[in-house]
Amino acid sequence: MVVEFVLNGHCIETAARKRYEQIVLELLKRDDEKLERELEFITEFLKKADFGELRRMGFDGSRKIRVRVKKVDGKFIVEEL
């Protein structure tokens, strides 16, 4: 799975938490397997990612960028688009 975020005035951790909250609200309204998979992915990302390091790498929201998060061989990879 791949998830994309726009960082603009907030860091990648905040973007992930906001998306998590959006998905939870949407799932309260309807069942959606794709959203459930995305929620699981984001939950794991929030638990395992080193957000301090990601912020140091430039994913701190100081400039507007789009980022992609994917999991490769059990590790989360974050890249700017």
N, C-alpha and C. Protein backbone atom coordinates (compact mmCIF):
# COMPACT_ATOMS: atom_id res chain seq x y z
N MET A 1 0.84 -1.19 0.00
CA MET A 1 0.00 0.00 0.00
C MET A 1 0.88 1.24 0.00
N VAL A 2 0.37 2.27 -0.62
CA VAL A 2 1.05 3.57 -0.67
C VAL A 2 0.05 4.62 -0.22
N VAL A 3 0.52 5.54 0.63
CA VAL A 3 -0.32 6.63 1.11
C VAL A 3 0.41 7.93 0.82
N GLU A 4 -0.32 8.94 0.37
CA GLU A 4 0.28 10.24 0.09
C GLU A 4 -0.29 11.29 1.03
N PHE A 5 0.58 12.23 1.40
CA PHE A 5 0.20 13.35 2.26
C PHE A 5 0.72 14.64 1.64
N VAL A 6 0.04 15.74 1.93
CA VAL A 6 0.54 17.07 1.60
C VAL A 6 0.98 17.70 2.91
N LEU A 7 2.24 18.12 2.95
CA LEU A 7 2.77 18.80 4.12
C LEU A 7 2.80 20.28 3.81
N ASN A 8 2.08 21.05 4.59
CA ASN A 8 2.00 22.48 4.37
C ASN A 8 1.69 23.14 5.70
N GLY A 9 2.72 23.50 6.43
CA GLY A 9 2.52 24.12 7.73
C GLY A 9 2.38 23.11 8.85
N HIS A 10 2.50 21.82 8.54
CA HIS A 10 2.50 20.78 9.57
C HIS A 10 3.36 19.61 9.10
N CYS A 11 3.91 18.91 10.06
CA CYS A 11 4.86 17.84 9.75
C CYS A 11 4.13 16.56 9.31
N ILE A 12 4.91 15.59 8.92
CA ILE A 12 4.37 14.33 8.43
C ILE A 12 3.59 13.59 9.51
N GLU A 13 4.01 13.70 10.76
CA GLU A 13 3.27 13.03 11.84
C GLU A 13 1.87 13.62 11.97
N THR A 14 1.77 14.93 11.93
CA THR A 14 0.47 15.59 12.02
C THR A 14 -0.40 15.24 10.82
N ALA A 15 0.19 15.19 9.64
CA ALA A 15 -0.57 14.81 8.44
C ALA A 15 -1.12 13.40 8.58
N ALA A 16 -0.30 12.48 9.09
CA ALA A 16 -0.75 11.10 9.27
C ALA A 16 -1.86 11.02 10.31
N ARG A 17 -1.72 11.76 11.40
CA ARG A 17 -2.75 11.75 12.45
C ARG A 17 -4.07 12.33 11.93
N LYS A 18 -4.00 13.40 11.14
CA LYS A 18 -5.22 13.99 10.57
C LYS A 18 -5.91 13.01 9.63
N ARG A 19 -5.12 12.32 8.80
CA ARG A 19 -5.70 11.34 7.88
C ARG A 19 -6.31 10.18 8.65
N TYR A 20 -5.65 9.76 9.71
CA TYR A 20 -6.17 8.70 10.58
C TYR A 20 -7.55 9.09 11.10
N GLU A 21 -7.66 10.31 11.61
CA GLU A 21 -8.94 10.79 12.15
C GLU A 21 -10.01 10.86 11.07
N GLN A 22 -9.65 11.30 9.87
CA GLN A 22 -10.61 11.35 8.76
C GLN A 22 -11.14 9.96 8.42
N ILE A 23 -10.23 9.00 8.39
CA ILE A 23 -10.64 7.63 8.04
C ILE A 23 -11.56 7.06 9.10
N VAL A 24 -11.23 7.27 10.38
CA VAL A 24 -12.07 6.76 11.46
C VAL A 24 -13.48 7.33 11.35
N LEU A 25 -13.59 8.63 11.10
CA LEU A 25 -14.91 9.25 10.96
C LEU A 25 -15.66 8.67 9.77
N GLU A 26 -14.98 8.46 8.68
CA GLU A 26 -15.62 7.89 7.49
C GLU A 26 -16.08 6.45 7.74
N LEU A 27 -15.26 5.67 8.44
CA LEU A 27 -15.62 4.28 8.72
C LEU A 27 -16.79 4.17 9.70
N LEU A 28 -17.02 5.19 10.50
CA LEU A 28 -18.19 5.19 11.37
C LEU A 28 -19.48 5.33 10.55
N LYS A 29 -19.36 5.92 9.36
CA LYS A 29 -20.51 6.12 8.50
C LYS A 29 -20.77 4.94 7.58
N ARG A 30 -19.70 4.25 7.17
CA ARG A 30 -19.87 3.16 6.20
C ARG A 30 -18.69 2.20 6.28
N ASP A 31 -18.94 0.96 5.89
CA ASP A 31 -17.88 -0.04 5.79
C ASP A 31 -17.16 0.14 4.47
N ASP A 32 -15.84 0.06 4.52
CA ASP A 32 -15.05 0.21 3.30
C ASP A 32 -13.72 -0.50 3.53
N GLU A 33 -13.52 -1.61 2.84
CA GLU A 33 -12.32 -2.42 3.04
C GLU A 33 -11.04 -1.64 2.69
N LYS A 34 -11.10 -0.84 1.65
CA LYS A 34 -9.92 -0.06 1.27
C LYS A 34 -9.54 0.92 2.38
N LEU A 35 -10.54 1.60 2.95
CA LEU A 35 -10.26 2.52 4.05
C LEU A 35 -9.74 1.77 5.28
N GLU A 36 -10.26 0.58 5.53
CA GLU A 36 -9.79 -0.21 6.66
C GLU A 36 -8.32 -0.58 6.48
N ARG A 37 -7.92 -0.95 5.28
CA ARG A 37 -6.52 -1.28 5.01
C ARG A 37 -5.63 -0.04 5.18
N GLU A 38 -6.12 1.11 4.68
CA GLU A 38 -5.36 2.35 4.84
C GLU A 38 -5.22 2.71 6.32
N LEU A 39 -6.28 2.51 7.08
CA LEU A 39 -6.22 2.79 8.52
C LEU A 39 -5.19 1.91 9.21
N GLU A 40 -5.16 0.64 8.86
CA GLU A 40 -4.16 -0.27 9.44
C GLU A 40 -2.75 0.18 9.07
N PHE A 41 -2.55 0.57 7.83
CA PHE A 41 -1.24 1.03 7.37
C PHE A 41 -0.81 2.27 8.14
N ILE A 42 -1.69 3.25 8.25
CA ILE A 42 -1.36 4.50 8.93
C ILE A 42 -1.13 4.25 10.42
N THR A 43 -1.93 3.37 11.02
CA THR A 43 -1.74 3.04 12.43
C THR A 43 -0.35 2.47 12.67
N GLU A 44 0.06 1.55 11.84
CA GLU A 44 1.39 0.96 11.97
C GLU A 44 2.48 2.01 11.73
N PHE A 45 2.27 2.86 10.74
CA PHE A 45 3.23 3.93 10.46
C PHE A 45 3.37 4.85 11.68
N LEU A 46 2.24 5.23 12.28
CA LEU A 46 2.29 6.10 13.46
C LEU A 46 3.01 5.44 14.63
N LYS A 47 2.89 4.14 14.76
CA LYS A 47 3.53 3.42 15.86
C LYS A 47 5.03 3.22 15.64
N LYS A 48 5.45 3.02 14.39
CA LYS A 48 6.82 2.58 14.13
C LYS A 48 7.76 3.64 13.56
N ALA A 49 7.24 4.68 12.97
CA ALA A 49 8.10 5.66 12.30
C ALA A 49 8.87 6.50 13.32
N ASP A 50 10.06 6.89 12.93
CA ASP A 50 10.89 7.80 13.72
C ASP A 50 10.61 9.22 13.23
N PHE A 51 9.62 9.85 13.83
CA PHE A 51 9.17 11.14 13.32
C PHE A 51 10.19 12.25 13.56
N GLY A 52 10.97 12.14 14.60
CA GLY A 52 12.04 13.12 14.80
C GLY A 52 13.02 13.09 13.64
N GLU A 53 13.39 11.91 13.23
CA GLU A 53 14.31 11.76 12.09
C GLU A 53 13.64 12.24 10.80
N LEU A 54 12.38 11.90 10.60
CA LEU A 54 11.68 12.35 9.39
C LEU A 54 11.60 13.88 9.34
N ARG A 55 11.36 14.51 10.47
CA ARG A 55 11.34 15.98 10.49
C ARG A 55 12.72 16.54 10.14
N ARG A 56 13.78 15.92 10.68
CA ARG A 56 15.14 16.36 10.36
C ARG A 56 15.46 16.19 8.87
N MET A 57 14.81 15.21 8.24
CA MET A 57 15.04 14.95 6.82
C MET A 57 14.27 15.94 5.92
N GLY A 58 13.50 16.85 6.52
CA GLY A 58 12.79 17.86 5.74
C GLY A 58 11.30 17.66 5.63
N PHE A 59 10.78 16.63 6.30
CA PHE A 59 9.33 16.38 6.28
C PHE A 59 8.67 17.04 7.49
N ASP A 60 9.05 18.32 7.70
CA ASP A 60 8.64 19.06 8.89
C ASP A 60 7.54 20.08 8.63
N GLY A 61 7.10 20.18 7.38
CA GLY A 61 6.02 21.11 7.05
C GLY A 61 6.48 22.54 6.85
N SER A 62 7.78 22.77 6.84
CA SER A 62 8.27 24.14 6.66
C SER A 62 8.08 24.64 5.23
N ARG A 63 7.82 23.71 4.32
CA ARG A 63 7.51 24.08 2.93
C ARG A 63 6.44 23.13 2.42
N LYS A 64 5.69 23.58 1.45
CA LYS A 64 4.60 22.75 0.92
C LYS A 64 5.18 21.69 -0.01
N ILE A 65 4.98 20.42 0.36
CA ILE A 65 5.43 19.31 -0.47
C ILE A 65 4.42 18.17 -0.38
N ARG A 66 4.44 17.33 -1.40
CA ARG A 66 3.68 16.08 -1.37
C ARG A 66 4.66 14.97 -1.08
N VAL A 67 4.25 14.05 -0.22
CA VAL A 67 5.10 12.92 0.11
C VAL A 67 4.34 11.62 -0.07
N ARG A 68 5.09 10.57 -0.32
CA ARG A 68 4.53 9.23 -0.46
C ARG A 68 5.16 8.37 0.63
N VAL A 69 4.32 7.58 1.29
CA VAL A 69 4.79 6.63 2.29
C VAL A 69 4.45 5.23 1.78
N LYS A 70 5.45 4.37 1.76
CA LYS A 70 5.23 2.99 1.37
C LYS A 70 6.04 2.09 2.29
N LYS A 71 5.73 0.82 2.26
CA LYS A 71 6.42 -0.15 3.11
C LYS A 71 7.16 -1.13 2.20
N VAL A 72 8.46 -1.24 2.42
CA VAL A 72 9.30 -2.13 1.63
C VAL A 72 10.10 -2.99 2.59
N ASP A 73 9.95 -4.29 2.45
CA ASP A 73 10.67 -5.25 3.32
C ASP A 73 10.48 -4.93 4.80
N GLY A 74 9.27 -4.56 5.17
CA GLY A 74 8.94 -4.29 6.56
C GLY A 74 9.33 -2.91 7.06
N LYS A 75 9.95 -2.09 6.22
CA LYS A 75 10.36 -0.74 6.63
C LYS A 75 9.53 0.29 5.87
N PHE A 76 9.20 1.36 6.56
CA PHE A 76 8.47 2.45 5.92
C PHE A 76 9.47 3.37 5.20
N ILE A 77 9.13 3.68 3.97
CA ILE A 77 9.94 4.56 3.13
C ILE A 77 9.11 5.81 2.85
N VAL A 78 9.70 6.97 3.09
CA VAL A 78 9.02 8.25 2.83
C VAL A 78 9.82 8.96 1.76
N GLU A 79 9.13 9.41 0.72
CA GLU A 79 9.81 10.10 -0.36
C GLU A 79 8.99 11.30 -0.82
N GLU A 80 9.71 12.33 -1.20
CA GLU A 80 9.05 13.54 -1.72
C GLU A 80 8.66 13.30 -3.17
N LEU A 81 7.49 13.78 -3.53
CA LEU A 81 7.02 13.65 -4.92
C LEU A 81 7.30 14.91 -5.71
